[in-house]
């Protein structure tokens, strides 16, 4: 699998594909005039590099979670309630267990503090993060 650059005019995007033919097939789905060209070989991350990224992303999730709580101006009781609800998720985030968060976060029920909008936002963030490694 390698990186291919898909371009048309000033638009360009880098994506991974198995072959140039597959990259061009994707480019063709975007419309007329898109072309694919080899950009660079794909070099898998080392275990340490992936761990570092997972830990960094976990800390970012915690920050976003706390920031969202503060923006909502929730009460102390509401804060304690949502922290209890998220106890396992926050532990997973601290240890970089992002795939575990992806498994268990969708199972948490929504309420006045953990709204559908917040849940969807977090699930999308995690999905986007994990998709970069596929």
C-alpha atoms as a PDB file:
ATOM      1  CA  UNK A   1       0.000   0.000   0.000  1.00  0.00           C
ATOM      2  CA  UNK A   2       1.340   3.437  -0.957  1.00  0.00           C
ATOM      3  CA  UNK A   3       0.273   7.061  -0.873  1.00  0.00           C
ATOM      4  CA  UNK A   4      -1.191   8.490  -4.064  1.00  0.00           C
ATOM      5  CA  UNK A   5      -1.939  12.104  -4.845  1.00  0.00           C
ATOM      6  CA  UNK A   6      -5.340  12.730  -6.415  1.00  0.00           C
ATOM      7  CA  UNK A   7      -5.454  16.081  -8.227  1.00  0.00           C
ATOM      8  CA  UNK A   8      -7.535  18.314 -10.449  1.00  0.00           C
ATOM      9  CA  UNK A   9      -6.525  21.928 -10.894  1.00  0.00           C
ATOM     10  CA  UNK A  10      -5.706  23.355  -7.465  1.00  0.00           C
ATOM     11  CA  UNK A  11      -7.464  20.508  -5.598  1.00  0.00           C
ATOM     12  CA  UNK A  12      -5.340  17.676  -4.250  1.00  0.00           C
ATOM     13  CA  UNK A  13      -5.621  15.002  -1.606  1.00  0.00           C
ATOM     14  CA  UNK A  14      -3.319  12.224  -0.430  1.00  0.00           C
ATOM     15  CA  UNK A  15      -4.820   8.775   0.127  1.00  0.00           C
ATOM     16  CA  UNK A  16      -3.490   5.259   0.529  1.00  0.00           C
ATOM     17  CA  UNK A  17      -4.233   2.632  -2.110  1.00  0.00           C
ATOM     18  CA  UNK A  18      -2.865  -0.784  -3.005  1.00  0.00           C
ATOM     19  CA  UNK A  19      -2.131   0.178  -6.616  1.00  0.00           C
ATOM     20  CA  UNK A  20      -2.119   3.135  -8.967  1.00  0.00           C
ATOM     21  CA  UNK A  21      -5.065   1.541 -10.776  1.00  0.00           C
ATOM     22  CA  UNK A  22      -7.123   1.574  -7.560  1.00  0.00           C
ATOM     23  CA  UNK A  23      -6.100   5.168  -6.895  1.00  0.00           C
ATOM     24  CA  UNK A  24      -7.163   6.181 -10.394  1.00  0.00           C
ATOM     25  CA  UNK A  25     -10.452   4.282 -10.008  1.00  0.00           C
ATOM     26  CA  UNK A  26     -11.142   6.350  -6.887  1.00  0.00           C
ATOM     27  CA  UNK A  27     -10.148   9.543  -8.709  1.00  0.00           C
ATOM     28  CA  UNK A  28     -12.580   8.662 -11.490  1.00  0.00           C
ATOM     29  CA  UNK A  29     -15.433   8.538  -8.963  1.00  0.00           C
ATOM     30  CA  UNK A  30     -14.784  12.210  -8.177  1.00  0.00           C
ATOM     31  CA  UNK A  31     -15.568  13.281 -11.732  1.00  0.00           C
ATOM     32  CA  UNK A  32     -13.864  14.102 -15.006  1.00  0.00           C
ATOM     33  CA  UNK A  33     -10.295  15.334 -14.994  1.00  0.00           C
ATOM     34  CA  UNK A  34      -9.100  13.898 -11.665  1.00  0.00           C
ATOM     35  CA  UNK A  35      -5.791  12.075 -11.888  1.00  0.00           C
ATOM     36  CA  UNK A  36      -3.849   9.854  -9.527  1.00  0.00           C
ATOM     37  CA  UNK A  37      -0.104   9.630  -9.231  1.00  0.00           C
ATOM     38  CA  UNK A  38       2.288   7.847  -6.896  1.00  0.00           C
ATOM     39  CA  UNK A  39       3.321  10.144  -4.044  1.00  0.00           C
ATOM     40  CA  UNK A  40       5.288   8.128  -1.467  1.00  0.00           C
ATOM     41  CA  UNK A  41       5.576   4.660   0.001  1.00  0.00           C
ATOM     42  CA  UNK A  42       3.534   3.822   3.057  1.00  0.00           C
ATOM     43  CA  UNK A  43       5.702   3.159   6.097  1.00  0.00           C
ATOM     44  CA  UNK A  44       3.788   1.634   9.009  1.00  0.00           C
ATOM     45  CA  UNK A  45       4.136   3.246  12.415  1.00  0.00           C
ATOM     46  CA  UNK A  46       6.235   1.538  15.044  1.00  0.00           C
ATOM     47  CA  UNK A  47       4.408   0.334  18.148  1.00  0.00           C
ATOM     48  CA  UNK A  48       5.924   3.246  20.103  1.00  0.00           C
ATOM     49  CA  UNK A  49       4.812   5.815  17.511  1.00  0.00           C
ATOM     50  CA  UNK A  50       1.260   4.447  17.533  1.00  0.00           C
ATOM     51  CA  UNK A  51       1.176   4.397  21.335  1.00  0.00           C
ATOM     52  CA  UNK A  52       2.339   8.018  21.429  1.00  0.00           C
ATOM     53  CA  UNK A  53      -0.397   9.020  18.971  1.00  0.00           C
ATOM     54  CA  UNK A  54      -3.073   7.095  20.897  1.00  0.00           C
ATOM     55  CA  UNK A  55      -2.035   8.656  24.212  1.00  0.00           C
ATOM     56  CA  UNK A  56      -1.993  12.127  22.669  1.00  0.00           C
ATOM     57  CA  UNK A  57      -5.419  11.618  21.125  1.00  0.00           C
ATOM     58  CA  UNK A  58      -6.763  10.256  24.435  1.00  0.00           C
ATOM     59  CA  UNK A  59      -5.603  13.414  26.205  1.00  0.00           C
ATOM     60  CA  UNK A  60      -7.245  15.500  23.484  1.00  0.00           C
ATOM     61  CA  UNK A  61     -10.532  13.638  24.041  1.00  0.00           C
ATOM     62  CA  UNK A  62     -10.365  14.326  27.764  1.00  0.00           C
ATOM     63  CA  UNK A  63      -9.714  18.015  27.079  1.00  0.00           C
ATOM     64  CA  UNK A  64     -12.684  18.248  24.683  1.00  0.00           C
ATOM     65  CA  UNK A  65     -14.919  16.445  27.188  1.00  0.00           C
ATOM     66  CA  UNK A  66     -13.982  18.815  30.036  1.00  0.00           C
ATOM     67  CA  UNK A  67     -14.232  21.846  27.756  1.00  0.00           C
ATOM     68  CA  UNK A  68     -17.729  20.805  26.639  1.00  0.00           C
ATOM     69  CA  UNK A  69     -18.787  20.434  30.277  1.00  0.00           C
ATOM     70  CA  UNK A  70     -17.565  23.940  31.056  1.00  0.00           C
ATOM     71  CA  UNK A  71     -19.209  25.448  27.994  1.00  0.00           C
ATOM     72  CA  UNK A  72     -22.501  23.900  29.110  1.00  0.00           C
ATOM     73  CA  UNK A  73     -22.051  25.441  32.578  1.00  0.00           C
ATOM     74  CA  UNK A  74     -23.299  22.291  34.280  1.00  0.00           C
ATOM     75  CA  UNK A  75     -23.811  22.021  38.022  1.00  0.00           C
ATOM     76  CA  UNK A  76     -21.480  20.120  40.343  1.00  0.00           C
ATOM     77  CA  UNK A  77     -24.031  17.327  40.642  1.00  0.00           C
ATOM     78  CA  UNK A  78     -24.354  17.077  36.861  1.00  0.00           C
ATOM     79  CA  UNK A  79     -20.568  17.084  36.527  1.00  0.00           C
ATOM     80  CA  UNK A  80     -20.238  14.230  39.018  1.00  0.00           C
ATOM     81  CA  UNK A  81     -22.990  12.304  37.255  1.00  0.00           C
ATOM     82  CA  UNK A  82     -21.403  12.580  33.824  1.00  0.00           C
ATOM     83  CA  UNK A  83     -17.962  11.730  35.244  1.00  0.00           C
ATOM     84  CA  UNK A  84     -19.369   8.546  36.789  1.00  0.00           C
ATOM     85  CA  UNK A  85     -21.016   7.716  33.463  1.00  0.00           C
ATOM     86  CA  UNK A  86     -17.682   8.287  31.674  1.00  0.00           C
ATOM     87  CA  UNK A  87     -15.398   6.665  34.272  1.00  0.00           C
ATOM     88  CA  UNK A  88     -14.353   3.787  31.992  1.00  0.00           C
ATOM     89  CA  UNK A  89     -14.136   5.981  28.887  1.00  0.00           C
ATOM     90  CA  UNK A  90     -11.833   8.422  30.675  1.00  0.00           C
ATOM     91  CA  UNK A  91      -9.654   5.543  31.903  1.00  0.00           C
ATOM     92  CA  UNK A  92      -9.418   4.198  28.362  1.00  0.00           C
ATOM     93  CA  UNK A  93      -8.473   7.686  27.122  1.00  0.00           C
ATOM     94  CA  UNK A  94      -5.719   8.036  29.733  1.00  0.00           C
ATOM     95  CA  UNK A  95      -4.166   4.741  28.634  1.00  0.00           C
ATOM     96  CA  UNK A  96      -4.562   5.301  24.891  1.00  0.00           C
ATOM     97  CA  UNK A  97      -7.134   2.519  24.465  1.00  0.00           C
ATOM     98  CA  UNK A  98      -8.945   4.327  21.649  1.00  0.00           C
ATOM     99  CA  UNK A  99     -10.450   1.192  20.092  1.00  0.00           C
ATOM    100  CA  UNK A 100     -12.026   0.383  23.472  1.00  0.00           C
ATOM    101  CA  UNK A 101     -13.545   3.866  23.561  1.00  0.00           C
ATOM    102  CA  UNK A 102     -14.906   3.271  20.054  1.00  0.00           C
ATOM    103  CA  UNK A 103     -16.550   0.078  21.320  1.00  0.00           C
ATOM    104  CA  UNK A 104     -18.061   1.350  24.570  1.00  0.00           C
ATOM    105  CA  UNK A 105     -18.880   5.030  23.942  1.00  0.00           C
ATOM    106  CA  UNK A 106     -21.804   4.255  21.611  1.00  0.00           C
ATOM    107  CA  UNK A 107     -23.373   2.172  24.412  1.00  0.00           C
ATOM    108  CA  UNK A 108     -23.638   5.126  26.813  1.00  0.00           C
ATOM    109  CA  UNK A 109     -27.136   6.583  26.973  1.00  0.00           C
ATOM    110  CA  UNK A 110     -27.745  10.243  26.272  1.00  0.00           C
ATOM    111  CA  UNK A 111     -29.230  12.675  28.777  1.00  0.00           C
ATOM    112  CA  UNK A 112     -29.419  16.419  29.454  1.00  0.00           C
ATOM    113  CA  UNK A 113     -25.628  16.708  29.799  1.00  0.00           C
ATOM    114  CA  UNK A 114     -24.390  13.951  27.491  1.00  0.00           C
ATOM    115  CA  UNK A 115     -26.599  14.971  24.610  1.00  0.00           C
ATOM    116  CA  UNK A 116     -27.042  13.206  21.278  1.00  0.00           C
ATOM    117  CA  UNK A 117     -25.041  16.049  19.700  1.00  0.00           C
ATOM    118  CA  UNK A 118     -22.097  15.475  22.058  1.00  0.00           C
ATOM    119  CA  UNK A 119     -22.244  11.721  21.616  1.00  0.00           C
ATOM    120  CA  UNK A 120     -22.257  12.033  17.832  1.00  0.00           C
ATOM    121  CA  UNK A 121     -19.373  14.531  18.000  1.00  0.00           C
ATOM    122  CA  UNK A 122     -17.198  12.207  20.108  1.00  0.00           C
ATOM    123  CA  UNK A 123     -18.033   9.122  18.045  1.00  0.00           C
ATOM    124  CA  UNK A 124     -17.131  11.014  14.851  1.00  0.00           C
ATOM    125  CA  UNK A 125     -13.843  12.257  16.342  1.00  0.00           C
ATOM    126  CA  UNK A 126     -12.875   8.712  17.316  1.00  0.00           C
ATOM    127  CA  UNK A 127     -13.972   7.256  13.976  1.00  0.00           C
ATOM    128  CA  UNK A 128     -11.940   9.857  12.079  1.00  0.00           C
ATOM    129  CA  UNK A 129      -8.900   9.205  14.246  1.00  0.00           C
ATOM    130  CA  UNK A 130      -9.041   5.417  13.839  1.00  0.00           C
ATOM    131  CA  UNK A 131      -9.773   5.613  10.105  1.00  0.00           C
ATOM    132  CA  UNK A 132      -6.371   7.128   9.427  1.00  0.00           C
ATOM    133  CA  UNK A 133      -4.816   3.793  10.369  1.00  0.00           C
ATOM    134  CA  UNK A 134      -6.942   1.675   7.996  1.00  0.00           C
END
